[in-house]
Amino acid sequence: MIQREVTDKENVKWTCVQAYSGLQEKLSDKAAALSENKEGKFTVVCTPSGGAQTVRLELPENWTQQMQDEEIVNAIAENQR
């Protein structure tokens, strides 16, 4: 399972994983393809280390390699509003 950890300005550590990534590889690939939205983005679930609520994001397929930590933190903050 590929995941990213980012820390926001309040020092909350967020662990982000693509939805369905814990399934067996064949099932995970199929579920990910089915979960892709019209804009080519995928559902990513970010879980905080503290009392904040889990956040669902829609991020590009290559979010684990291409997005900066700050971009993910900003997406989390935007979706908490």
N, C-alpha and C. Protein backbone atom coordinates (compact mmCIF):
# COMPACT_ATOMS: atom_id res chain seq x y z
N MET A 1 0.84 -1.17 0.00
CA MET A 1 0.00 0.00 0.00
C MET A 1 0.90 1.24 0.00
N ILE A 2 0.69 2.09 -1.00
CA ILE A 2 1.46 3.33 -1.09
C ILE A 2 0.74 4.40 -0.30
N GLN A 3 1.49 5.10 0.52
CA GLN A 3 0.91 6.18 1.31
C GLN A 3 1.89 7.32 1.42
N ARG A 4 1.37 8.47 1.78
CA ARG A 4 2.20 9.66 2.01
C ARG A 4 1.82 10.21 3.37
N GLU A 5 2.81 10.71 4.07
CA GLU A 5 2.56 11.40 5.33
C GLU A 5 2.97 12.85 5.14
N VAL A 6 2.09 13.75 5.56
CA VAL A 6 2.36 15.18 5.50
C VAL A 6 1.99 15.79 6.85
N THR A 7 2.62 16.91 7.18
CA THR A 7 2.34 17.59 8.44
C THR A 7 1.86 19.00 8.13
N ASP A 8 0.74 19.38 8.75
CA ASP A 8 0.19 20.71 8.48
C ASP A 8 0.78 21.75 9.44
N LYS A 9 0.30 22.99 9.31
CA LYS A 9 0.83 24.10 10.11
C LYS A 9 0.56 23.95 11.60
N GLU A 10 -0.48 23.18 11.95
CA GLU A 10 -0.79 22.93 13.36
C GLU A 10 -0.04 21.71 13.90
N ASN A 11 0.90 21.21 13.13
CA ASN A 11 1.73 20.06 13.50
C ASN A 11 0.94 18.75 13.59
N VAL A 12 -0.17 18.68 12.85
CA VAL A 12 -0.94 17.44 12.77
C VAL A 12 -0.36 16.62 11.62
N LYS A 13 -0.03 15.38 11.90
CA LYS A 13 0.51 14.49 10.86
C LYS A 13 -0.67 13.77 10.20
N TRP A 14 -0.74 13.87 8.88
CA TRP A 14 -1.79 13.23 8.09
C TRP A 14 -1.19 12.07 7.30
N THR A 15 -1.84 10.92 7.35
CA THR A 15 -1.45 9.77 6.54
C THR A 15 -2.48 9.64 5.43
N CYS A 16 -2.02 9.74 4.18
CA CYS A 16 -2.91 9.72 3.03
C CYS A 16 -2.67 8.47 2.20
N VAL A 17 -3.77 7.78 1.85
CA VAL A 17 -3.70 6.59 1.01
C VAL A 17 -4.80 6.66 -0.03
N GLN A 18 -4.53 6.11 -1.20
CA GLN A 18 -5.55 6.06 -2.24
C GLN A 18 -6.58 5.02 -1.85
N ALA A 19 -7.85 5.37 -1.99
CA ALA A 19 -8.93 4.44 -1.67
C ALA A 19 -8.72 3.14 -2.44
N TYR A 20 -8.99 2.03 -1.79
CA TYR A 20 -8.87 0.68 -2.36
C TYR A 20 -7.44 0.19 -2.48
N SER A 21 -6.46 0.92 -2.00
CA SER A 21 -5.07 0.49 -2.18
C SER A 21 -4.69 -0.72 -1.33
N GLY A 22 -5.49 -1.06 -0.34
CA GLY A 22 -5.19 -2.21 0.50
C GLY A 22 -5.66 -3.53 -0.06
N LEU A 23 -6.37 -3.50 -1.17
CA LEU A 23 -6.85 -4.73 -1.78
C LEU A 23 -5.73 -5.45 -2.53
N GLN A 24 -5.97 -6.69 -2.90
CA GLN A 24 -5.00 -7.40 -3.73
C GLN A 24 -4.77 -6.60 -4.99
N GLU A 25 -3.59 -6.72 -5.58
CA GLU A 25 -3.20 -5.85 -6.69
C GLU A 25 -4.22 -5.81 -7.83
N LYS A 26 -4.69 -6.98 -8.30
CA LYS A 26 -5.66 -6.99 -9.40
C LYS A 26 -6.94 -6.27 -9.01
N LEU A 27 -7.44 -6.57 -7.82
CA LEU A 27 -8.67 -5.92 -7.36
C LEU A 27 -8.45 -4.44 -7.13
N SER A 28 -7.30 -4.08 -6.58
CA SER A 28 -6.99 -2.68 -6.32
C SER A 28 -6.93 -1.88 -7.60
N ASP A 29 -6.28 -2.42 -8.63
CA ASP A 29 -6.19 -1.74 -9.92
C ASP A 29 -7.57 -1.53 -10.53
N LYS A 30 -8.40 -2.58 -10.46
CA LYS A 30 -9.75 -2.48 -11.03
C LYS A 30 -10.58 -1.47 -10.25
N ALA A 31 -10.53 -1.52 -8.91
CA ALA A 31 -11.29 -0.59 -8.08
C ALA A 31 -10.83 0.84 -8.31
N ALA A 32 -9.53 1.04 -8.42
CA ALA A 32 -8.99 2.38 -8.67
C ALA A 32 -9.48 2.91 -10.01
N ALA A 33 -9.47 2.05 -11.02
CA ALA A 33 -9.94 2.48 -12.34
C ALA A 33 -11.41 2.85 -12.29
N LEU A 34 -12.20 2.09 -11.55
CA LEU A 34 -13.62 2.38 -11.43
C LEU A 34 -13.88 3.64 -10.62
N SER A 35 -12.97 3.97 -9.71
CA SER A 35 -13.17 5.14 -8.85
C SER A 35 -12.64 6.43 -9.48
N GLU A 36 -12.00 6.32 -10.64
CA GLU A 36 -11.50 7.52 -11.31
C GLU A 36 -12.68 8.37 -11.76
N ASN A 37 -12.61 9.68 -11.46
CA ASN A 37 -13.71 10.55 -11.85
C ASN A 37 -13.50 11.12 -13.25
N LYS A 38 -14.43 11.94 -13.71
CA LYS A 38 -14.39 12.48 -15.07
C LYS A 38 -13.14 13.32 -15.34
N GLU A 39 -12.59 13.93 -14.30
CA GLU A 39 -11.41 14.77 -14.47
C GLU A 39 -10.11 13.97 -14.36
N GLY A 40 -10.20 12.65 -14.25
CA GLY A 40 -9.01 11.81 -14.15
C GLY A 40 -8.39 11.83 -12.77
N LYS A 41 -9.18 12.14 -11.75
CA LYS A 41 -8.68 12.18 -10.38
C LYS A 41 -9.19 10.98 -9.60
N PHE A 42 -8.47 10.67 -8.51
CA PHE A 42 -8.77 9.50 -7.70
C PHE A 42 -9.05 9.90 -6.27
N THR A 43 -9.85 9.10 -5.59
CA THR A 43 -10.16 9.37 -4.18
C THR A 43 -8.97 8.98 -3.31
N VAL A 44 -8.57 9.92 -2.48
CA VAL A 44 -7.48 9.71 -1.51
C VAL A 44 -8.05 10.03 -0.13
N VAL A 45 -7.81 9.15 0.83
CA VAL A 45 -8.30 9.35 2.18
C VAL A 45 -7.12 9.73 3.07
N CYS A 46 -7.26 10.86 3.77
CA CYS A 46 -6.21 11.35 4.66
C CYS A 46 -6.72 11.29 6.10
N THR A 47 -5.98 10.59 6.94
CA THR A 47 -6.36 10.40 8.34
C THR A 47 -5.37 11.12 9.23
N PRO A 48 -5.87 11.94 10.17
CA PRO A 48 -4.98 12.72 11.04
C PRO A 48 -4.47 11.92 12.22
N SER A 49 -3.36 12.38 12.78
CA SER A 49 -2.79 11.73 13.96
C SER A 49 -3.51 12.19 15.23
N GLY A 50 -4.20 13.32 15.16
CA GLY A 50 -4.86 13.86 16.35
C GLY A 50 -6.37 13.84 16.23
N GLY A 51 -7.00 14.88 16.80
CA GLY A 51 -8.45 14.91 16.91
C GLY A 51 -9.20 15.37 15.68
N ALA A 52 -8.52 15.76 14.62
CA ALA A 52 -9.23 16.23 13.43
C ALA A 52 -9.92 15.06 12.73
N GLN A 53 -10.85 15.37 11.85
CA GLN A 53 -11.63 14.36 11.15
C GLN A 53 -10.94 13.93 9.86
N THR A 54 -11.13 12.66 9.49
CA THR A 54 -10.60 12.14 8.23
C THR A 54 -11.17 12.95 7.07
N VAL A 55 -10.34 13.15 6.03
CA VAL A 55 -10.73 13.95 4.87
C VAL A 55 -10.58 13.11 3.61
N ARG A 56 -11.56 13.22 2.71
CA ARG A 56 -11.47 12.58 1.39
C ARG A 56 -11.11 13.64 0.38
N LEU A 57 -10.11 13.34 -0.44
CA LEU A 57 -9.65 14.27 -1.46
C LEU A 57 -9.79 13.63 -2.83
N GLU A 58 -9.86 14.46 -3.86
CA GLU A 58 -9.80 14.00 -5.24
C GLU A 58 -8.49 14.54 -5.80
N LEU A 59 -7.53 13.64 -6.02
CA LEU A 59 -6.19 14.04 -6.46
C LEU A 59 -5.82 13.34 -7.76
N PRO A 60 -4.84 13.91 -8.49
CA PRO A 60 -4.40 13.26 -9.73
C PRO A 60 -3.78 11.89 -9.45
N GLU A 61 -3.79 11.05 -10.46
CA GLU A 61 -3.27 9.68 -10.32
C GLU A 61 -1.85 9.64 -9.76
N ASN A 62 -1.02 10.56 -10.14
CA ASN A 62 0.39 10.55 -9.74
C ASN A 62 0.66 11.36 -8.48
N TRP A 63 -0.35 11.51 -7.64
CA TRP A 63 -0.23 12.36 -6.45
C TRP A 63 0.90 11.93 -5.53
N THR A 64 1.22 10.65 -5.46
CA THR A 64 2.26 10.20 -4.53
C THR A 64 3.65 10.65 -4.95
N GLN A 65 3.87 10.79 -6.26
CA GLN A 65 5.19 11.19 -6.75
C GLN A 65 5.28 12.66 -7.13
N GLN A 66 4.19 13.23 -7.64
CA GLN A 66 4.27 14.55 -8.25
C GLN A 66 3.85 15.71 -7.35
N MET A 67 2.99 15.47 -6.38
CA MET A 67 2.50 16.57 -5.55
C MET A 67 3.46 16.87 -4.41
N GLN A 68 3.64 18.14 -4.14
CA GLN A 68 4.43 18.59 -3.00
C GLN A 68 3.60 18.41 -1.73
N ASP A 69 4.27 18.24 -0.59
CA ASP A 69 3.56 18.10 0.69
C ASP A 69 2.62 19.28 0.91
N GLU A 70 3.08 20.48 0.60
CA GLU A 70 2.27 21.69 0.81
C GLU A 70 0.98 21.64 -0.01
N GLU A 71 1.04 21.09 -1.21
CA GLU A 71 -0.16 20.98 -2.05
C GLU A 71 -1.19 20.05 -1.41
N ILE A 72 -0.70 18.95 -0.84
CA ILE A 72 -1.61 18.00 -0.18
C ILE A 72 -2.19 18.63 1.08
N VAL A 73 -1.35 19.30 1.87
CA VAL A 73 -1.82 19.98 3.09
C VAL A 73 -2.88 21.03 2.72
N ASN A 74 -2.65 21.78 1.66
CA ASN A 74 -3.62 22.79 1.22
C ASN A 74 -4.93 22.13 0.79
N ALA A 75 -4.86 21.00 0.10
CA ALA A 75 -6.06 20.28 -0.32
C ALA A 75 -6.84 19.78 0.90
N ILE A 76 -6.13 19.32 1.93
CA ILE A 76 -6.77 18.88 3.16
C ILE A 76 -7.49 20.07 3.81
N ALA A 77 -6.79 21.19 3.96
CA ALA A 77 -7.36 22.38 4.59
C ALA A 77 -8.61 22.83 3.82
N GLU A 78 -8.53 22.83 2.51
CA GLU A 78 -9.67 23.26 1.68
C GLU A 78 -10.89 22.36 1.88
N ASN A 79 -10.65 21.06 2.05
CA ASN A 79 -11.74 20.12 2.21
C ASN A 79 -12.28 20.05 3.63
N GLN A 80 -11.62 20.68 4.58
CA GLN A 80 -12.11 20.72 5.94
C GLN A 80 -13.13 21.83 6.13
N ARG A 81 -13.22 22.74 5.21
CA ARG A 81 -14.14 23.89 5.33
C ARG A 81 -15.54 23.53 5.00
